[in-house]
Amino acid sequence: MTKLLDEGIQAVRELPADRQDMAGELLLTLAASQPQYSLTAEQVGDLKFALEEADRGDFASEADVAETWNKFAL
């Protein structure tokens, strides 16, 4: 096992159970198949930012969601 993978697994062990399951599913999927794509460094940064927002509970309000639906006539 590489040092980076070992560090990642240790970090996942400290997450809540639902996040551990999510990480486990991702690892199993990666191990079972060749990735069809890979994220750019920018996309990885965006994903980390989004997860941090979710961890803080920063979600769109119902009004924000309704405004977006209305904007696109959905």
PDB file of N, CA and C in Angstrom:
ATOM      1  N   MET A   1       0.860  -1.177   0.000  1.00  0.00           N
ATOM      2  CA  MET A   1       0.000   0.000   0.000  1.00  0.00           C
ATOM      3  C   MET A   1       0.903   1.235   0.000  1.00  0.00           C
ATOM      4  N   THR A   2       0.551   2.213  -0.821  1.00  0.00           N
ATOM      5  CA  THR A   2       1.339   3.436  -0.866  1.00  0.00           C
ATOM      6  C   THR A   2       1.050   4.289   0.370  1.00  0.00           C
ATOM      7  N   LYS A   3       1.959   5.190   0.645  1.00  0.00           N
ATOM      8  CA  LYS A   3       1.788   6.088   1.794  1.00  0.00           C
ATOM      9  C   LYS A   3       0.536   6.952   1.621  1.00  0.00           C
ATOM     10  N   LEU A   4       0.309   7.442   0.404  1.00  0.00           N
ATOM     11  CA  LEU A   4      -0.843   8.311   0.167  1.00  0.00           C
ATOM     12  C   LEU A   4      -2.152   7.554   0.386  1.00  0.00           C
ATOM     13  N   LEU A   5      -2.238   6.332  -0.116  1.00  0.00           N
ATOM     14  CA  LEU A   5      -3.444   5.538   0.093  1.00  0.00           C
ATOM     15  C   LEU A   5      -3.644   5.256   1.570  1.00  0.00           C
ATOM     16  N   ASP A   6      -2.571   4.925   2.273  1.00  0.00           N
ATOM     17  CA  ASP A   6      -2.662   4.668   3.705  1.00  0.00           C
ATOM     18  C   ASP A   6      -3.167   5.901   4.457  1.00  0.00           C
ATOM     19  N   GLU A   7      -2.662   7.080   4.080  1.00  0.00           N
ATOM     20  CA  GLU A   7      -3.119   8.321   4.714  1.00  0.00           C
ATOM     21  C   GLU A   7      -4.595   8.576   4.407  1.00  0.00           C
ATOM     22  N   GLY A   8      -4.987   8.299   3.162  1.00  0.00           N
ATOM     23  CA  GLY A   8      -6.383   8.482   2.779  1.00  0.00           C
ATOM     24  C   GLY A   8      -7.308   7.562   3.549  1.00  0.00           C
ATOM     25  N   ILE A   9      -6.916   6.312   3.713  1.00  0.00           N
ATOM     26  CA  ILE A   9      -7.737   5.357   4.457  1.00  0.00           C
ATOM     27  C   ILE A   9      -7.835   5.778   5.917  1.00  0.00           C
ATOM     28  N   GLN A  10      -6.741   6.252   6.486  1.00  0.00           N
ATOM     29  CA  GLN A  10      -6.784   6.718   7.874  1.00  0.00           C
ATOM     30  C   GLN A  10      -7.738   7.903   8.010  1.00  0.00           C
ATOM     31  N   ALA A  11      -7.719   8.812   7.054  1.00  0.00           N
ATOM     32  CA  ALA A  11      -8.622   9.970   7.101  1.00  0.00           C
ATOM     33  C   ALA A  11     -10.076   9.525   6.982  1.00  0.00           C
ATOM     34  N   VAL A  12     -10.333   8.533   6.139  1.00  0.00           N
ATOM     35  CA  VAL A  12     -11.697   8.035   5.967  1.00  0.00           C
ATOM     36  C   VAL A  12     -12.187   7.357   7.238  1.00  0.00           C
ATOM     37  N   ARG A  13     -11.307   6.700   7.955  1.00  0.00           N
ATOM     38  CA  ARG A  13     -11.694   6.041   9.213  1.00  0.00           C
ATOM     39  C   ARG A  13     -12.264   7.037  10.226  1.00  0.00           C
ATOM     40  N   GLU A  14     -11.893   8.280  10.099  1.00  0.00           N
ATOM     41  CA  GLU A  14     -12.336   9.304  11.050  1.00  0.00           C
ATOM     42  C   GLU A  14     -13.652   9.965  10.627  1.00  0.00           C
ATOM     43  N   LEU A  15     -14.172   9.607   9.466  1.00  0.00           N
ATOM     44  CA  LEU A  15     -15.421  10.175   8.972  1.00  0.00           C
ATOM     45  C   LEU A  15     -16.617   9.460   9.593  1.00  0.00           C
ATOM     46  N   PRO A  16     -17.789  10.094   9.535  1.00  0.00           N
ATOM     47  CA  PRO A  16     -19.014   9.407   9.960  1.00  0.00           C
ATOM     48  C   PRO A  16     -19.265   8.176   9.079  1.00  0.00           C
ATOM     49  N   ALA A  17     -20.046   7.237   9.588  1.00  0.00           N
ATOM     50  CA  ALA A  17     -20.265   5.959   8.904  1.00  0.00           C
ATOM     51  C   ALA A  17     -20.786   6.125   7.482  1.00  0.00           C
ATOM     52  N   ASP A  18     -21.708   7.064   7.253  1.00  0.00           N
ATOM     53  CA  ASP A  18     -22.255   7.215   5.904  1.00  0.00           C
ATOM     54  C   ASP A  18     -21.195   7.684   4.921  1.00  0.00           C
ATOM     55  N   ARG A  19     -20.295   8.548   5.369  1.00  0.00           N
ATOM     56  CA  ARG A  19     -19.212   9.013   4.487  1.00  0.00           C
ATOM     57  C   ARG A  19     -18.191   7.898   4.262  1.00  0.00           C
ATOM     58  N   GLN A  20     -17.962   7.064   5.290  1.00  0.00           N
ATOM     59  CA  GLN A  20     -17.069   5.918   5.117  1.00  0.00           C
ATOM     60  C   GLN A  20     -17.626   4.977   4.062  1.00  0.00           C
ATOM     61  N   ASP A  21     -18.943   4.728   4.103  1.00  0.00           N
ATOM     62  CA  ASP A  21     -19.567   3.861   3.110  1.00  0.00           C
ATOM     63  C   ASP A  21     -19.421   4.437   1.705  1.00  0.00           C
ATOM     64  N   MET A  22     -19.596   5.749   1.585  1.00  0.00           N
ATOM     65  CA  MET A  22     -19.452   6.401   0.287  1.00  0.00           C
ATOM     66  C   MET A  22     -18.024   6.215  -0.240  1.00  0.00           C
ATOM     67  N   ALA A  23     -17.052   6.404   0.623  1.00  0.00           N
ATOM     68  CA  ALA A  23     -15.655   6.238   0.218  1.00  0.00           C
ATOM     69  C   ALA A  23     -15.372   4.786  -0.149  1.00  0.00           C
ATOM     70  N   GLY A  24     -15.939   3.855   0.611  1.00  0.00           N
ATOM     71  CA  GLY A  24     -15.751   2.438   0.322  1.00  0.00           C
ATOM     72  C   GLY A  24     -16.319   2.056  -1.033  1.00  0.00           C
ATOM     73  N   GLU A  25     -17.522   2.557  -1.338  1.00  0.00           N
ATOM     74  CA  GLU A  25     -18.127   2.282  -2.647  1.00  0.00           C
ATOM     75  C   GLU A  25     -17.259   2.822  -3.767  1.00  0.00           C
ATOM     76  N   LEU A  26     -16.728   4.017  -3.563  1.00  0.00           N
ATOM     77  CA  LEU A  26     -15.865   4.615  -4.578  1.00  0.00           C
ATOM     78  C   LEU A  26     -14.607   3.776  -4.794  1.00  0.00           C
ATOM     79  N   LEU A  27     -13.974   3.356  -3.712  1.00  0.00           N
ATOM     80  CA  LEU A  27     -12.768   2.534  -3.839  1.00  0.00           C
ATOM     81  C   LEU A  27     -13.054   1.212  -4.535  1.00  0.00           C
ATOM     82  N   LEU A  28     -14.166   0.569  -4.173  1.00  0.00           N
ATOM     83  CA  LEU A  28     -14.516  -0.699  -4.819  1.00  0.00           C
ATOM     84  C   LEU A  28     -14.790  -0.508  -6.305  1.00  0.00           C
ATOM     85  N   THR A  29     -15.441   0.568  -6.658  1.00  0.00           N
ATOM     86  CA  THR A  29     -15.706   0.857  -8.063  1.00  0.00           C
ATOM     87  C   THR A  29     -14.399   1.086  -8.819  1.00  0.00           C
ATOM     88  N   LEU A  30     -13.502   1.853  -8.216  1.00  0.00           N
ATOM     89  CA  LEU A  30     -12.213   2.107  -8.865  1.00  0.00           C
ATOM     90  C   LEU A  30     -11.400   0.831  -9.026  1.00  0.00           C
ATOM     91  N   ALA A  31     -11.449  -0.036  -8.036  1.00  0.00           N
ATOM     92  CA  ALA A  31     -10.677  -1.271  -8.092  1.00  0.00           C
ATOM     93  C   ALA A  31     -11.252  -2.255  -9.110  1.00  0.00           C
ATOM     94  N   ALA A  32     -12.559  -2.182  -9.357  1.00  0.00           N
ATOM     95  CA  ALA A  32     -13.218  -3.143 -10.234  1.00  0.00           C
ATOM     96  C   ALA A  32     -13.099  -2.806 -11.711  1.00  0.00           C
ATOM     97  N   SER A  33     -12.809  -1.570 -12.035  1.00  0.00           N
ATOM     98  CA  SER A  33     -12.786  -1.201 -13.446  1.00  0.00           C
ATOM     99  C   SER A  33     -11.758  -0.119 -13.710  1.00  0.00           C
ATOM    100  N   GLN A  34     -11.456   0.013 -14.974  1.00  0.00           N
ATOM    101  CA  GLN A  34     -10.580   1.094 -15.389  1.00  0.00           C
ATOM    102  C   GLN A  34     -11.398   2.375 -15.439  1.00  0.00           C
ATOM    103  N   PRO A  35     -10.926   3.440 -14.825  1.00  0.00           N
ATOM    104  CA  PRO A  35     -11.672   4.692 -14.883  1.00  0.00           C
ATOM    105  C   PRO A  35     -11.865   5.137 -16.334  1.00  0.00           C
ATOM    106  N   GLN A  36     -13.065   5.592 -16.638  1.00  0.00           N
ATOM    107  CA  GLN A  36     -13.347   6.063 -17.984  1.00  0.00           C
ATOM    108  C   GLN A  36     -12.930   7.521 -18.142  1.00  0.00           C
ATOM    109  N   TYR A  37     -12.679   8.175 -17.067  1.00  0.00           N
ATOM    110  CA  TYR A  37     -12.269   9.573 -17.102  1.00  0.00           C
ATOM    111  C   TYR A  37     -11.517   9.870 -15.818  1.00  0.00           C
ATOM    112  N   SER A  38     -10.862  10.991 -15.806  1.00  0.00           N
ATOM    113  CA  SER A  38     -10.208  11.431 -14.575  1.00  0.00           C
ATOM    114  C   SER A  38     -10.494  12.922 -14.402  1.00  0.00           C
ATOM    115  N   LEU A  39     -10.567  13.326 -13.170  1.00  0.00           N
ATOM    116  CA  LEU A  39     -10.842  14.722 -12.863  1.00  0.00           C
ATOM    117  C   LEU A  39      -9.588  15.556 -13.034  1.00  0.00           C
ATOM    118  N   THR A  40      -9.782  16.782 -13.480  1.00  0.00           N
ATOM    119  CA  THR A  40      -8.664  17.717 -13.545  1.00  0.00           C
ATOM    120  C   THR A  40      -8.388  18.226 -12.132  1.00  0.00           C
ATOM    121  N   ALA A  41      -7.272  18.858 -11.945  1.00  0.00           N
ATOM    122  CA  ALA A  41      -6.946  19.432 -10.635  1.00  0.00           C
ATOM    123  C   ALA A  41      -8.013  20.450 -10.221  1.00  0.00           C
ATOM    124  N   GLU A  42      -8.515  21.207 -11.188  1.00  0.00           N
ATOM    125  CA  GLU A  42      -9.560  22.186 -10.894  1.00  0.00           C
ATOM    126  C   GLU A  42     -10.841  21.492 -10.429  1.00  0.00           C
ATOM    127  N   GLN A  43     -11.194  20.395 -11.088  1.00  0.00           N
ATOM    128  CA  GLN A  43     -12.400  19.659 -10.713  1.00  0.00           C
ATOM    129  C   GLN A  43     -12.254  19.037  -9.322  1.00  0.00           C
ATOM    130  N   VAL A  44     -11.078  18.532  -9.018  1.00  0.00           N
ATOM    131  CA  VAL A  44     -10.834  17.982  -7.674  1.00  0.00           C
ATOM    132  C   VAL A  44     -10.994  19.086  -6.636  1.00  0.00           C
ATOM    133  N   GLY A  45     -10.463  20.263  -6.923  1.00  0.00           N
ATOM    134  CA  GLY A  45     -10.616  21.397  -6.016  1.00  0.00           C
ATOM    135  C   GLY A  45     -12.070  21.782  -5.831  1.00  0.00           C
ATOM    136  N   ASP A  46     -12.825  21.796  -6.935  1.00  0.00           N
ATOM    137  CA  ASP A  46     -14.258  22.111  -6.854  1.00  0.00           C
ATOM    138  C   ASP A  46     -14.999  21.083  -6.012  1.00  0.00           C
ATOM    139  N   LEU A  47     -14.654  19.810  -6.180  1.00  0.00           N
ATOM    140  CA  LEU A  47     -15.301  18.752  -5.418  1.00  0.00           C
ATOM    141  C   LEU A  47     -14.990  18.883  -3.925  1.00  0.00           C
ATOM    142  N   LYS A  48     -13.739  19.151  -3.597  1.00  0.00           N
ATOM    143  CA  LYS A  48     -13.361  19.341  -2.188  1.00  0.00           C
ATOM    144  C   LYS A  48     -14.120  20.524  -1.593  1.00  0.00           C
ATOM    145  N   PHE A  49     -14.220  21.610  -2.353  1.00  0.00           N
ATOM    146  CA  PHE A  49     -14.942  22.791  -1.885  1.00  0.00           C
ATOM    147  C   PHE A  49     -16.410  22.449  -1.637  1.00  0.00           C
ATOM    148  N   ALA A  50     -17.020  21.709  -2.565  1.00  0.00           N
ATOM    149  CA  ALA A  50     -18.427  21.335  -2.422  1.00  0.00           C
ATOM    150  C   ALA A  50     -18.646  20.451  -1.200  1.00  0.00           C
ATOM    151  N   LEU A  51     -17.747  19.514  -0.967  1.00  0.00           N
ATOM    152  CA  LEU A  51     -17.874  18.653   0.218  1.00  0.00           C
ATOM    153  C   LEU A  51     -17.718  19.456   1.512  1.00  0.00           C
ATOM    154  N   GLU A  52     -16.815  20.428   1.505  1.00  0.00           N
ATOM    155  CA  GLU A  52     -16.651  21.285   2.679  1.00  0.00           C
ATOM    156  C   GLU A  52     -17.922  22.083   2.937  1.00  0.00           C
ATOM    157  N   GLU A  53     -18.531  22.601   1.851  1.00  0.00           N
ATOM    158  CA  GLU A  53     -19.800  23.322   1.995  1.00  0.00           C
ATOM    159  C   GLU A  53     -20.875  22.410   2.588  1.00  0.00           C
ATOM    160  N   ALA A  54     -20.964  21.198   2.075  1.00  0.00           N
ATOM    161  CA  ALA A  54     -21.970  20.253   2.566  1.00  0.00           C
ATOM    162  C   ALA A  54     -21.717  19.917   4.034  1.00  0.00           C
ATOM    163  N   ASP A  55     -20.461  19.735   4.399  1.00  0.00           N
ATOM    164  CA  ASP A  55     -20.130  19.440   5.795  1.00  0.00           C
ATOM    165  C   ASP A  55     -20.547  20.571   6.727  1.00  0.00           C
ATOM    166  N   ARG A  56     -20.491  21.800   6.210  1.00  0.00           N
ATOM    167  CA  ARG A  56     -20.906  22.971   7.021  1.00  0.00           C
ATOM    168  C   ARG A  56     -22.421  23.166   6.977  1.00  0.00           C
ATOM    169  N   GLY A  57     -23.091  22.445   6.100  1.00  0.00           N
ATOM    170  CA  GLY A  57     -24.537  22.601   5.962  1.00  0.00           C
ATOM    171  C   GLY A  57     -24.926  23.764   5.078  1.00  0.00           C
ATOM    172  N   ASP A  58     -23.992  24.215   4.253  1.00  0.00           N
ATOM    173  CA  ASP A  58     -24.267  25.328   3.332  1.00  0.00           C
ATOM    174  C   ASP A  58     -24.977  24.808   2.083  1.00  0.00           C
ATOM    175  N   PHE A  59     -26.301  24.805   2.122  1.00  0.00           N
ATOM    176  CA  PHE A  59     -27.101  24.341   1.000  1.00  0.00           C
ATOM    177  C   PHE A  59     -27.960  25.485   0.498  1.00  0.00           C
ATOM    178  N   ALA A  60     -28.418  25.363  -0.731  1.00  0.00           N
ATOM    179  CA  ALA A  60     -29.311  26.365  -1.300  1.00  0.00           C
ATOM    180  C   ALA A  60     -30.629  26.344  -0.529  1.00  0.00           C
ATOM    181  N   SER A  61     -31.169  27.534  -0.319  1.00  0.00           N
ATOM    182  CA  SER A  61     -32.468  27.624   0.349  1.00  0.00           C
ATOM    183  C   SER A  61     -33.557  27.194  -0.635  1.00  0.00           C
ATOM    184  N   GLU A  62     -34.752  26.940  -0.099  1.00  0.00           N
ATOM    185  CA  GLU A  62     -35.870  26.588  -0.974  1.00  0.00           C
ATOM    186  C   GLU A  62     -36.155  27.727  -1.957  1.00  0.00           C
ATOM    187  N   ALA A  63     -35.993  28.966  -1.511  1.00  0.00           N
ATOM    188  CA  ALA A  63     -36.218  30.115  -2.391  1.00  0.00           C
ATOM    189  C   ALA A  63     -35.192  30.141  -3.523  1.00  0.00           C
ATOM    190  N   ASP A  64     -33.931  29.839  -3.201  1.00  0.00           N
ATOM    191  CA  ASP A  64     -32.891  29.796  -4.231  1.00  0.00           C
ATOM    192  C   ASP A  64     -33.185  28.725  -5.280  1.00  0.00           C
ATOM    193  N   VAL A  65     -33.622  27.569  -4.817  1.00  0.00           N
ATOM    194  CA  VAL A  65     -33.938  26.469  -5.733  1.00  0.00           C
ATOM    195  C   VAL A  65     -35.124  26.851  -6.619  1.00  0.00           C
ATOM    196  N   ALA A  66     -36.148  27.422  -6.005  1.00  0.00           N
ATOM    197  CA  ALA A  66     -37.333  27.836  -6.775  1.00  0.00           C
ATOM    198  C   ALA A  66     -36.951  28.878  -7.815  1.00  0.00           C
ATOM    199  N   GLU A  67     -36.081  29.810  -7.450  1.00  0.00           N
ATOM    200  CA  GLU A  67     -35.641  30.843  -8.389  1.00  0.00           C
ATOM    201  C   GLU A  67     -34.926  30.217  -9.585  1.00  0.00           C
ATOM    202  N   THR A  68     -34.087  29.213  -9.324  1.00  0.00           N
ATOM    203  CA  THR A  68     -33.369  28.543 -10.406  1.00  0.00           C
ATOM    204  C   THR A  68     -34.339  27.801 -11.317  1.00  0.00           C
ATOM    205  N   TRP A  69     -35.319  27.083 -10.712  1.00  0.00           N
ATOM    206  CA  TRP A  69     -36.314  26.379 -11.525  1.00  0.00           C
ATOM    207  C   TRP A  69     -37.056  27.377 -12.408  1.00  0.00           C
ATOM    208  N   ASN A  70     -37.441  28.503 -11.834  1.00  0.00           N
ATOM    209  CA  ASN A  70     -38.189  29.520 -12.592  1.00  0.00           C
ATOM    210  C   ASN A  70     -37.325  30.120 -13.698  1.00  0.00           C
ATOM    211  N   LYS A  71     -36.060  30.333 -13.418  1.00  0.00           N
ATOM    212  CA  LYS A  71     -35.162  30.942 -14.391  1.00  0.00           C
ATOM    213  C   LYS A  71     -35.085  30.096 -15.669  1.00  0.00           C
ATOM    214  N   PHE A  72     -35.118  28.780 -15.503  1.00  0.00           N
ATOM    215  CA  PHE A  72     -35.027  27.879 -16.648  1.00  0.00           C
ATOM    216  C   PHE A  72     -36.388  27.307 -17.047  1.00  0.00           C
ATOM    217  N   ALA A  73     -37.432  27.892 -16.519  1.00  0.00           N
ATOM    218  CA  ALA A  73     -38.818  27.503 -16.846  1.00  0.00           C
ATOM    219  C   ALA A  73     -39.044  26.007 -16.652  1.00  0.00           C
ATOM    220  N   LEU A  74     -38.547  25.502 -15.534  1.00  0.00           N
ATOM    221  CA  LEU A  74     -38.709  24.058 -15.240  1.00  0.00           C
ATOM    222  C   LEU A  74     -39.749  23.841 -14.168  1.00  0.00           C
TER     223      LEU A  74
END
